[in-house]
Amino acid sequence: MNAAPMQDITAPAREEALVPAPPRTGRSQPRRLAIITLGFSTALGLGLAGGLNMHRLVDLNQTATWLQQTGSTLQSGFEAARHEIGSKIASFTSRPVSVAQASKRRPQRCRAMATL
């Protein structure tokens, strides 16, 4: 079987690797500027239209009430979680259990698992 001839790969000279890219020519620069300007003006127009009509979409009194209710619900949830975590930590530190006692205890199974 004849092996395919391999070509030697050489690294380019240092001067060749640092050649700057040729300058761009053509109409791409003005077109790009026009597209960017159109995008910014569209975003500004949509933001202005949305801002002017915001009072029709949102009732500020209702929003304030909803935010207060949500805040109190979150606060009570955090308080309950903090209390639960504190009681778990307290239960770990209040009853010292030796390794021998812990190994003697068997985990409780439910009746369905015991019959299997």
C-alpha atoms as a PDB file:
ATOM      1  CA  MET A   1       0.000   0.000   0.000  1.00  0.00           C
ATOM      2  CA  ASN A   2       1.390   3.359  -0.971  1.00  0.00           C
ATOM      3  CA  ALA A   3       1.112   6.092   1.577  1.00  0.00           C
ATOM      4  CA  ALA A   4      -0.083   9.457   0.447  1.00  0.00           C
ATOM      5  CA  PRO A   5       2.735  11.992   0.298  1.00  0.00           C
ATOM      6  CA  MET A   6       2.680  14.382   3.238  1.00  0.00           C
ATOM      7  CA  GLN A   7       3.337  18.042   2.816  1.00  0.00           C
ATOM      8  CA  ASP A   8       5.590  19.919   5.161  1.00  0.00           C
ATOM      9  CA  ILE A   9       3.721  22.497   7.213  1.00  0.00           C
ATOM     10  CA  THR A  10       5.716  25.600   7.985  1.00  0.00           C
ATOM     11  CA  ALA A  11       4.804  28.503  10.193  1.00  0.00           C
ATOM     12  CA  PRO A  12       4.368  31.825   8.423  1.00  0.00           C
ATOM     13  CA  ALA A  13       7.033  34.458   8.860  1.00  0.00           C
ATOM     14  CA  ARG A  14       6.465  36.926  11.647  1.00  0.00           C
ATOM     15  CA  GLU A  15       5.958  39.783   9.191  1.00  0.00           C
ATOM     16  CA  GLU A  16       3.328  37.854   7.238  1.00  0.00           C
ATOM     17  CA  ALA A  17       1.217  37.121  10.301  1.00  0.00           C
ATOM     18  CA  LEU A  18       0.914  40.787  11.296  1.00  0.00           C
ATOM     19  CA  VAL A  19      -0.306  42.176   8.000  1.00  0.00           C
ATOM     20  CA  PRO A  20      -3.272  44.496   8.636  1.00  0.00           C
ATOM     21  CA  ALA A  21      -6.588  43.649   7.053  1.00  0.00           C
ATOM     22  CA  PRO A  22      -7.385  45.525   3.876  1.00  0.00           C
ATOM     23  CA  PRO A  23      -9.725  48.501   4.345  1.00  0.00           C
ATOM     24  CA  ARG A  24     -13.368  47.923   3.601  1.00  0.00           C
ATOM     25  CA  THR A  25     -14.705  49.460   0.487  1.00  0.00           C
ATOM     26  CA  GLY A  26     -18.186  49.822  -0.822  1.00  0.00           C
ATOM     27  CA  ARG A  27     -21.500  50.982   0.574  1.00  0.00           C
ATOM     28  CA  SER A  28     -21.570  48.822   3.707  1.00  0.00           C
ATOM     29  CA  GLN A  29     -20.691  51.681   6.097  1.00  0.00           C
ATOM     30  CA  PRO A  30     -23.583  54.052   5.210  1.00  0.00           C
ATOM     31  CA  ARG A  31     -26.048  51.137   5.127  1.00  0.00           C
ATOM     32  CA  ARG A  32     -24.932  49.955   8.566  1.00  0.00           C
ATOM     33  CA  LEU A  33     -25.296  53.477   9.956  1.00  0.00           C
ATOM     34  CA  ALA A  34     -28.805  53.720   8.483  1.00  0.00           C
ATOM     35  CA  ILE A  35     -29.844  50.386  10.019  1.00  0.00           C
ATOM     36  CA  ILE A  36     -28.515  51.371  13.450  1.00  0.00           C
ATOM     37  CA  THR A  37     -30.253  54.751  13.287  1.00  0.00           C
ATOM     38  CA  LEU A  38     -33.526  53.116  12.253  1.00  0.00           C
ATOM     39  CA  GLY A  39     -33.273  50.617  15.130  1.00  0.00           C
ATOM     40  CA  PHE A  40     -32.634  53.321  17.720  1.00  0.00           C
ATOM     41  CA  SER A  41     -35.450  55.516  16.450  1.00  0.00           C
ATOM     42  CA  THR A  42     -37.847  52.542  16.456  1.00  0.00           C
ATOM     43  CA  ALA A  43     -36.903  51.654  20.031  1.00  0.00           C
ATOM     44  CA  LEU A  44     -37.303  55.265  21.116  1.00  0.00           C
ATOM     45  CA  GLY A  45     -40.713  55.540  19.425  1.00  0.00           C
ATOM     46  CA  LEU A  46     -42.003  52.318  20.957  1.00  0.00           C
ATOM     47  CA  GLY A  47     -40.752  53.360  24.392  1.00  0.00           C
ATOM     48  CA  LEU A  48     -42.405  56.743  24.080  1.00  0.00           C
ATOM     49  CA  ALA A  49     -45.708  55.235  22.939  1.00  0.00           C
ATOM     50  CA  GLY A  50     -45.627  52.700  25.771  1.00  0.00           C
ATOM     51  CA  GLY A  51     -44.802  55.372  28.325  1.00  0.00           C
ATOM     52  CA  LEU A  52     -47.610  57.639  27.202  1.00  0.00           C
ATOM     53  CA  ASN A  53     -50.190  54.843  27.424  1.00  0.00           C
ATOM     54  CA  MET A  54     -48.928  53.350  30.694  1.00  0.00           C
ATOM     55  CA  HIS A  55     -51.541  55.157  32.795  1.00  0.00           C
ATOM     56  CA  ARG A  56     -54.276  53.410  30.816  1.00  0.00           C
ATOM     57  CA  LEU A  57     -52.816  49.972  31.449  1.00  0.00           C
ATOM     58  CA  VAL A  58     -51.918  50.140  35.154  1.00  0.00           C
ATOM     59  CA  ASP A  59     -53.954  51.389  38.107  1.00  0.00           C
ATOM     60  CA  LEU A  60     -51.386  52.685  40.596  1.00  0.00           C
ATOM     61  CA  ASN A  61     -53.602  52.197  43.665  1.00  0.00           C
ATOM     62  CA  GLN A  62     -54.261  48.585  42.738  1.00  0.00           C
ATOM     63  CA  THR A  63     -50.577  48.020  42.060  1.00  0.00           C
ATOM     64  CA  ALA A  64     -49.601  49.458  45.447  1.00  0.00           C
ATOM     65  CA  THR A  65     -52.090  47.164  47.225  1.00  0.00           C
ATOM     66  CA  TRP A  66     -50.836  44.145  45.310  1.00  0.00           C
ATOM     67  CA  LEU A  67     -47.212  44.970  46.137  1.00  0.00           C
ATOM     68  CA  GLN A  68     -48.036  45.313  49.847  1.00  0.00           C
ATOM     69  CA  GLN A  69     -49.862  41.972  49.894  1.00  0.00           C
ATOM     70  CA  THR A  70     -47.056  40.236  48.046  1.00  0.00           C
ATOM     71  CA  GLY A  71     -44.470  41.738  50.386  1.00  0.00           C
ATOM     72  CA  SER A  72     -46.339  40.601  53.505  1.00  0.00           C
ATOM     73  CA  THR A  73     -46.790  37.104  52.042  1.00  0.00           C
ATOM     74  CA  LEU A  74     -43.090  36.837  51.265  1.00  0.00           C
ATOM     75  CA  GLN A  75     -42.160  38.163  54.683  1.00  0.00           C
ATOM     76  CA  SER A  76     -44.358  35.625  56.479  1.00  0.00           C
ATOM     77  CA  GLY A  77     -42.937  32.833  54.307  1.00  0.00           C
ATOM     78  CA  PHE A  78     -39.379  33.861  55.172  1.00  0.00           C
ATOM     79  CA  GLU A  79     -40.273  34.064  58.854  1.00  0.00           C
ATOM     80  CA  ALA A  80     -41.755  30.549  58.770  1.00  0.00           C
ATOM     81  CA  ALA A  81     -38.687  29.183  56.974  1.00  0.00           C
ATOM     82  CA  ARG A  82     -36.358  30.916  59.442  1.00  0.00           C
ATOM     83  CA  HIS A  83     -38.304  29.503  62.379  1.00  0.00           C
ATOM     84  CA  GLU A  84     -38.249  25.991  60.897  1.00  0.00           C
ATOM     85  CA  ILE A  85     -34.517  26.115  60.208  1.00  0.00           C
ATOM     86  CA  GLY A  86     -33.885  27.410  63.727  1.00  0.00           C
ATOM     87  CA  SER A  87     -35.920  24.586  65.283  1.00  0.00           C
ATOM     88  CA  LYS A  88     -34.055  21.981  63.191  1.00  0.00           C
ATOM     89  CA  ILE A  89     -30.705  23.364  64.310  1.00  0.00           C
ATOM     90  CA  ALA A  90     -31.893  23.434  67.916  1.00  0.00           C
ATOM     91  CA  SER A  91     -33.028  19.806  67.688  1.00  0.00           C
ATOM     92  CA  PHE A  92     -29.576  18.775  66.457  1.00  0.00           C
ATOM     93  CA  THR A  93     -27.820  20.455  69.359  1.00  0.00           C
ATOM     94  CA  SER A  94     -30.309  19.600  72.139  1.00  0.00           C
ATOM     95  CA  ARG A  95     -30.173  15.784  71.903  1.00  0.00           C
ATOM     96  CA  PRO A  96     -26.645  14.409  71.702  1.00  0.00           C
ATOM     97  CA  VAL A  97     -26.675  10.909  70.261  1.00  0.00           C
ATOM     98  CA  SER A  98     -23.677   8.612  70.281  1.00  0.00           C
ATOM     99  CA  VAL A  99     -22.660   6.621  67.240  1.00  0.00           C
ATOM    100  CA  ALA A 100     -23.621   3.378  68.981  1.00  0.00           C
ATOM    101  CA  GLN A 101     -27.131   4.641  69.687  1.00  0.00           C
ATOM    102  CA  ALA A 102     -27.574   5.922  66.167  1.00  0.00           C
ATOM    103  CA  SER A 103     -26.477   2.614  64.625  1.00  0.00           C
ATOM    104  CA  LYS A 104     -28.934   0.629  66.803  1.00  0.00           C
ATOM    105  CA  ARG A 105     -31.899   2.581  65.543  1.00  0.00           C
ATOM    106  CA  ARG A 106     -33.539   1.184  62.456  1.00  0.00           C
ATOM    107  CA  PRO A 107     -35.363   3.472  60.064  1.00  0.00           C
ATOM    108  CA  GLN A 108     -39.105   3.132  60.232  1.00  0.00           C
ATOM    109  CA  ARG A 109     -40.793   1.757  57.158  1.00  0.00           C
ATOM    110  CA  CYS A 110     -44.332   2.266  56.077  1.00  0.00           C
ATOM    111  CA  ARG A 111     -46.630  -0.735  55.958  1.00  0.00           C
ATOM    112  CA  ALA A 112     -46.574  -0.917  52.181  1.00  0.00           C
ATOM    113  CA  MET A 113     -42.782  -1.246  52.150  1.00  0.00           C
ATOM    114  CA  ALA A 114     -42.818  -3.850  54.964  1.00  0.00           C
ATOM    115  CA  THR A 115     -45.050  -6.196  52.947  1.00  0.00           C
ATOM    116  CA  LEU A 116     -42.750  -6.194  49.934  1.00  0.00           C
END
